[in-house]
Amino acid sequence: MKVKVWKPTEEEVLKAKKWPTWEKEESTFDWYYDEPEQFYVIEGEVEVTLDDGTKVSFGAGDMVRFDAGVSCTWNVKKYIRKHYNFG
């Protein structure tokens, strides 16, 4: 699975809150993951379209993990703020 979305445990959320924060206004942009990234969505709503056409949606309260090698297009539908961790 190239992208995994799940509802995190309290322990996972506490760990994620120690990670750096990234935010982005409503926008559309292409992205390539040269290494795995895991993040916890604090607020916002996003739909990502993978290079094979698969659509993946996530929003506030979700934990998300992208595998290395994923090419996709992000469609930030509502301003997003997340805690993220590479590797």
N, C-alpha and C. Protein backbone atom coordinates (compact mmCIF):
# COMPACT_ATOMS: atom_id res chain seq x y z
N MET A 1 0.84 -1.19 0.00
CA MET A 1 0.00 0.00 0.00
C MET A 1 0.88 1.24 0.00
N LYS A 2 0.65 2.15 -0.94
CA LYS A 2 1.48 3.35 -1.07
C LYS A 2 1.16 4.41 -0.02
N VAL A 3 -0.13 4.47 0.36
CA VAL A 3 -0.59 5.47 1.34
C VAL A 3 -1.51 4.77 2.33
N LYS A 4 -1.29 5.02 3.60
CA LYS A 4 -2.14 4.45 4.65
C LYS A 4 -2.72 5.59 5.47
N VAL A 5 -4.03 5.53 5.72
CA VAL A 5 -4.72 6.54 6.54
C VAL A 5 -5.44 5.79 7.67
N TRP A 6 -5.25 6.25 8.92
CA TRP A 6 -5.92 5.60 10.04
C TRP A 6 -6.17 6.61 11.16
N LYS A 7 -7.06 6.19 12.08
CA LYS A 7 -7.32 6.98 13.28
C LYS A 7 -6.29 6.56 14.32
N PRO A 8 -5.42 7.47 14.74
CA PRO A 8 -4.33 7.11 15.65
C PRO A 8 -4.79 6.89 17.08
N THR A 9 -3.97 6.15 17.82
CA THR A 9 -4.20 5.99 19.25
C THR A 9 -3.76 7.28 19.96
N GLU A 10 -4.14 7.41 21.22
CA GLU A 10 -3.69 8.58 22.00
C GLU A 10 -2.17 8.63 22.07
N GLU A 11 -1.55 7.47 22.20
CA GLU A 11 -0.09 7.40 22.27
C GLU A 11 0.55 7.90 20.98
N GLU A 12 -0.02 7.51 19.85
CA GLU A 12 0.50 7.97 18.55
C GLU A 12 0.37 9.49 18.41
N VAL A 13 -0.75 10.04 18.88
CA VAL A 13 -0.97 11.48 18.80
C VAL A 13 0.04 12.22 19.68
N LEU A 14 0.27 11.74 20.89
CA LEU A 14 1.24 12.38 21.80
C LEU A 14 2.63 12.38 21.18
N LYS A 15 3.02 11.27 20.55
CA LYS A 15 4.32 11.19 19.88
C LYS A 15 4.39 12.18 18.73
N ALA A 16 3.32 12.25 17.93
CA ALA A 16 3.29 13.13 16.75
C ALA A 16 3.37 14.60 17.14
N LYS A 17 2.83 14.96 18.28
CA LYS A 17 2.84 16.37 18.70
C LYS A 17 4.25 16.89 18.98
N LYS A 18 5.23 15.98 19.06
CA LYS A 18 6.63 16.38 19.25
C LYS A 18 7.33 16.64 17.92
N TRP A 19 6.68 16.28 16.81
CA TRP A 19 7.25 16.46 15.48
C TRP A 19 7.07 17.91 15.02
N PRO A 20 7.85 18.36 14.03
CA PRO A 20 7.68 19.71 13.48
C PRO A 20 6.30 19.87 12.85
N THR A 21 5.92 21.11 12.62
CA THR A 21 4.61 21.44 12.05
C THR A 21 4.77 22.03 10.65
N TRP A 22 3.85 21.69 9.77
CA TRP A 22 3.81 22.22 8.40
C TRP A 22 2.40 22.65 8.12
N GLU A 23 2.23 23.74 7.38
CA GLU A 23 0.89 24.20 7.03
C GLU A 23 0.88 24.72 5.60
N LYS A 24 -0.31 24.69 5.00
CA LYS A 24 -0.45 25.10 3.60
C LYS A 24 -1.87 25.57 3.36
N GLU A 25 -1.98 26.68 2.62
CA GLU A 25 -3.29 27.21 2.25
C GLU A 25 -3.94 26.34 1.19
N GLU A 26 -5.20 26.62 0.87
CA GLU A 26 -5.90 25.90 -0.19
C GLU A 26 -5.09 26.05 -1.47
N SER A 27 -4.76 24.92 -2.10
CA SER A 27 -3.92 24.95 -3.29
C SER A 27 -3.85 23.55 -3.89
N THR A 28 -3.24 23.47 -5.08
CA THR A 28 -2.99 22.20 -5.75
C THR A 28 -1.53 22.19 -6.18
N PHE A 29 -0.83 21.08 -5.88
CA PHE A 29 0.58 20.99 -6.26
C PHE A 29 1.00 19.53 -6.39
N ASP A 30 2.00 19.30 -7.22
CA ASP A 30 2.56 17.96 -7.41
C ASP A 30 3.62 17.71 -6.35
N TRP A 31 3.76 16.45 -5.92
CA TRP A 31 4.74 16.10 -4.91
C TRP A 31 5.29 14.71 -5.16
N TYR A 32 6.57 14.51 -4.83
CA TYR A 32 7.21 13.21 -4.92
C TYR A 32 7.86 12.91 -3.58
N TYR A 33 7.60 11.73 -3.03
CA TYR A 33 8.18 11.32 -1.75
C TYR A 33 9.44 10.51 -2.01
N ASP A 34 10.60 11.11 -1.79
CA ASP A 34 11.85 10.38 -1.98
C ASP A 34 12.23 9.58 -0.73
N GLU A 35 11.48 9.79 0.35
CA GLU A 35 11.60 8.98 1.56
C GLU A 35 10.22 8.90 2.21
N PRO A 36 9.98 7.91 3.08
CA PRO A 36 8.67 7.79 3.72
C PRO A 36 8.37 9.02 4.59
N GLU A 37 7.10 9.38 4.67
CA GLU A 37 6.66 10.44 5.57
C GLU A 37 5.42 9.98 6.30
N GLN A 38 5.39 10.23 7.60
CA GLN A 38 4.20 9.99 8.40
C GLN A 38 3.81 11.32 9.01
N PHE A 39 2.50 11.58 9.06
CA PHE A 39 2.05 12.83 9.67
C PHE A 39 0.68 12.69 10.31
N TYR A 40 0.44 13.61 11.25
CA TYR A 40 -0.84 13.69 11.96
C TYR A 40 -1.49 15.01 11.57
N VAL A 41 -2.71 14.94 11.04
CA VAL A 41 -3.41 16.13 10.57
C VAL A 41 -4.13 16.81 11.74
N ILE A 42 -3.70 18.04 12.06
CA ILE A 42 -4.29 18.80 13.15
C ILE A 42 -5.60 19.44 12.68
N GLU A 43 -5.55 20.02 11.48
CA GLU A 43 -6.75 20.60 10.89
C GLU A 43 -6.62 20.58 9.38
N GLY A 44 -7.76 20.66 8.70
CA GLY A 44 -7.74 20.72 7.25
C GLY A 44 -8.38 19.53 6.57
N GLU A 45 -8.36 19.60 5.23
CA GLU A 45 -8.95 18.54 4.41
C GLU A 45 -8.18 18.49 3.09
N VAL A 46 -7.74 17.29 2.71
CA VAL A 46 -6.92 17.11 1.51
C VAL A 46 -7.40 15.89 0.73
N GLU A 47 -7.35 16.01 -0.60
CA GLU A 47 -7.54 14.85 -1.46
C GLU A 47 -6.27 14.74 -2.31
N VAL A 48 -5.63 13.58 -2.26
CA VAL A 48 -4.41 13.33 -3.01
C VAL A 48 -4.74 12.37 -4.14
N THR A 49 -4.25 12.68 -5.35
CA THR A 49 -4.40 11.78 -6.49
C THR A 49 -3.04 11.18 -6.80
N LEU A 50 -2.94 9.85 -6.68
CA LEU A 50 -1.69 9.15 -6.96
C LEU A 50 -1.47 9.06 -8.46
N ASP A 51 -0.23 8.75 -8.87
CA ASP A 51 0.09 8.71 -10.29
C ASP A 51 -0.69 7.65 -11.06
N ASP A 52 -1.28 6.67 -10.35
CA ASP A 52 -2.11 5.66 -11.03
C ASP A 52 -3.60 6.05 -11.06
N GLY A 53 -3.91 7.27 -10.57
CA GLY A 53 -5.29 7.76 -10.59
C GLY A 53 -6.07 7.52 -9.30
N THR A 54 -5.51 6.72 -8.39
CA THR A 54 -6.17 6.45 -7.11
C THR A 54 -6.28 7.74 -6.30
N LYS A 55 -7.45 7.97 -5.70
CA LYS A 55 -7.65 9.15 -4.86
C LYS A 55 -7.68 8.73 -3.39
N VAL A 56 -7.00 9.50 -2.56
CA VAL A 56 -6.94 9.24 -1.12
C VAL A 56 -7.28 10.54 -0.41
N SER A 57 -8.27 10.48 0.49
CA SER A 57 -8.68 11.68 1.24
C SER A 57 -8.33 11.51 2.71
N PHE A 58 -7.99 12.64 3.35
CA PHE A 58 -7.73 12.65 4.78
C PHE A 58 -7.97 14.04 5.32
N GLY A 59 -8.14 14.11 6.65
CA GLY A 59 -8.42 15.40 7.28
C GLY A 59 -8.10 15.36 8.76
N ALA A 60 -8.60 16.36 9.46
CA ALA A 60 -8.31 16.53 10.88
C ALA A 60 -8.54 15.25 11.65
N GLY A 61 -7.55 14.88 12.47
CA GLY A 61 -7.64 13.69 13.30
C GLY A 61 -7.08 12.43 12.68
N ASP A 62 -6.67 12.50 11.40
CA ASP A 62 -6.12 11.33 10.73
C ASP A 62 -4.60 11.26 10.85
N MET A 63 -4.09 10.03 10.93
CA MET A 63 -2.66 9.77 10.81
C MET A 63 -2.48 9.20 9.40
N VAL A 64 -1.44 9.66 8.72
CA VAL A 64 -1.22 9.28 7.33
C VAL A 64 0.24 8.90 7.14
N ARG A 65 0.48 7.87 6.31
CA ARG A 65 1.86 7.48 5.98
C ARG A 65 1.97 7.27 4.48
N PHE A 66 2.93 7.97 3.87
CA PHE A 66 3.26 7.82 2.45
C PHE A 66 4.55 7.02 2.35
N ASP A 67 4.57 6.01 1.49
CA ASP A 67 5.79 5.25 1.22
C ASP A 67 6.75 6.07 0.35
N ALA A 68 8.02 5.75 0.41
CA ALA A 68 9.00 6.35 -0.49
C ALA A 68 8.66 5.94 -1.92
N GLY A 69 8.89 6.86 -2.86
CA GLY A 69 8.66 6.57 -4.27
C GLY A 69 7.28 6.95 -4.78
N VAL A 70 6.44 7.52 -3.93
CA VAL A 70 5.08 7.90 -4.34
C VAL A 70 5.11 9.26 -5.03
N SER A 71 4.51 9.31 -6.22
CA SER A 71 4.27 10.57 -6.94
C SER A 71 2.78 10.85 -6.85
N CYS A 72 2.43 12.11 -6.59
CA CYS A 72 1.01 12.43 -6.43
C CYS A 72 0.76 13.92 -6.63
N THR A 73 -0.51 14.26 -6.68
CA THR A 73 -0.94 15.66 -6.73
C THR A 73 -1.79 15.91 -5.49
N TRP A 74 -1.39 16.90 -4.71
CA TRP A 74 -2.15 17.31 -3.52
C TRP A 74 -3.18 18.35 -3.92
N ASN A 75 -4.42 18.16 -3.46
CA ASN A 75 -5.46 19.16 -3.60
C ASN A 75 -5.88 19.52 -2.17
N VAL A 76 -5.34 20.64 -1.67
CA VAL A 76 -5.66 21.10 -0.31
C VAL A 76 -7.00 21.83 -0.40
N LYS A 77 -8.05 21.17 0.09
CA LYS A 77 -9.41 21.72 -0.01
C LYS A 77 -9.70 22.72 1.10
N LYS A 78 -9.13 22.45 2.28
CA LYS A 78 -9.24 23.36 3.43
C LYS A 78 -7.85 23.46 4.04
N TYR A 79 -7.42 24.68 4.35
CA TYR A 79 -6.11 24.94 4.97
C TYR A 79 -5.70 23.77 5.86
N ILE A 80 -4.49 23.26 5.63
CA ILE A 80 -4.01 22.12 6.41
C ILE A 80 -2.86 22.52 7.33
N ARG A 81 -2.89 21.92 8.51
CA ARG A 81 -1.79 22.03 9.47
C ARG A 81 -1.55 20.63 10.00
N LYS A 82 -0.27 20.21 9.98
CA LYS A 82 0.05 18.84 10.39
C LYS A 82 1.39 18.79 11.10
N HIS A 83 1.54 17.74 11.94
CA HIS A 83 2.83 17.37 12.52
C HIS A 83 3.38 16.28 11.62
N TYR A 84 4.65 16.39 11.22
CA TYR A 84 5.20 15.43 10.26
C TYR A 84 6.55 14.87 10.70
N ASN A 85 6.87 13.68 10.13
CA ASN A 85 8.13 13.02 10.44
C ASN A 85 8.57 12.23 9.21
N PHE A 86 9.79 12.48 8.74
CA PHE A 86 10.35 11.74 7.60
C PHE A 86 11.17 10.56 8.07
N GLY A 87 11.22 9.53 7.23
CA GLY A 87 12.06 8.38 7.53
C GLY A 87 11.30 7.19 8.02
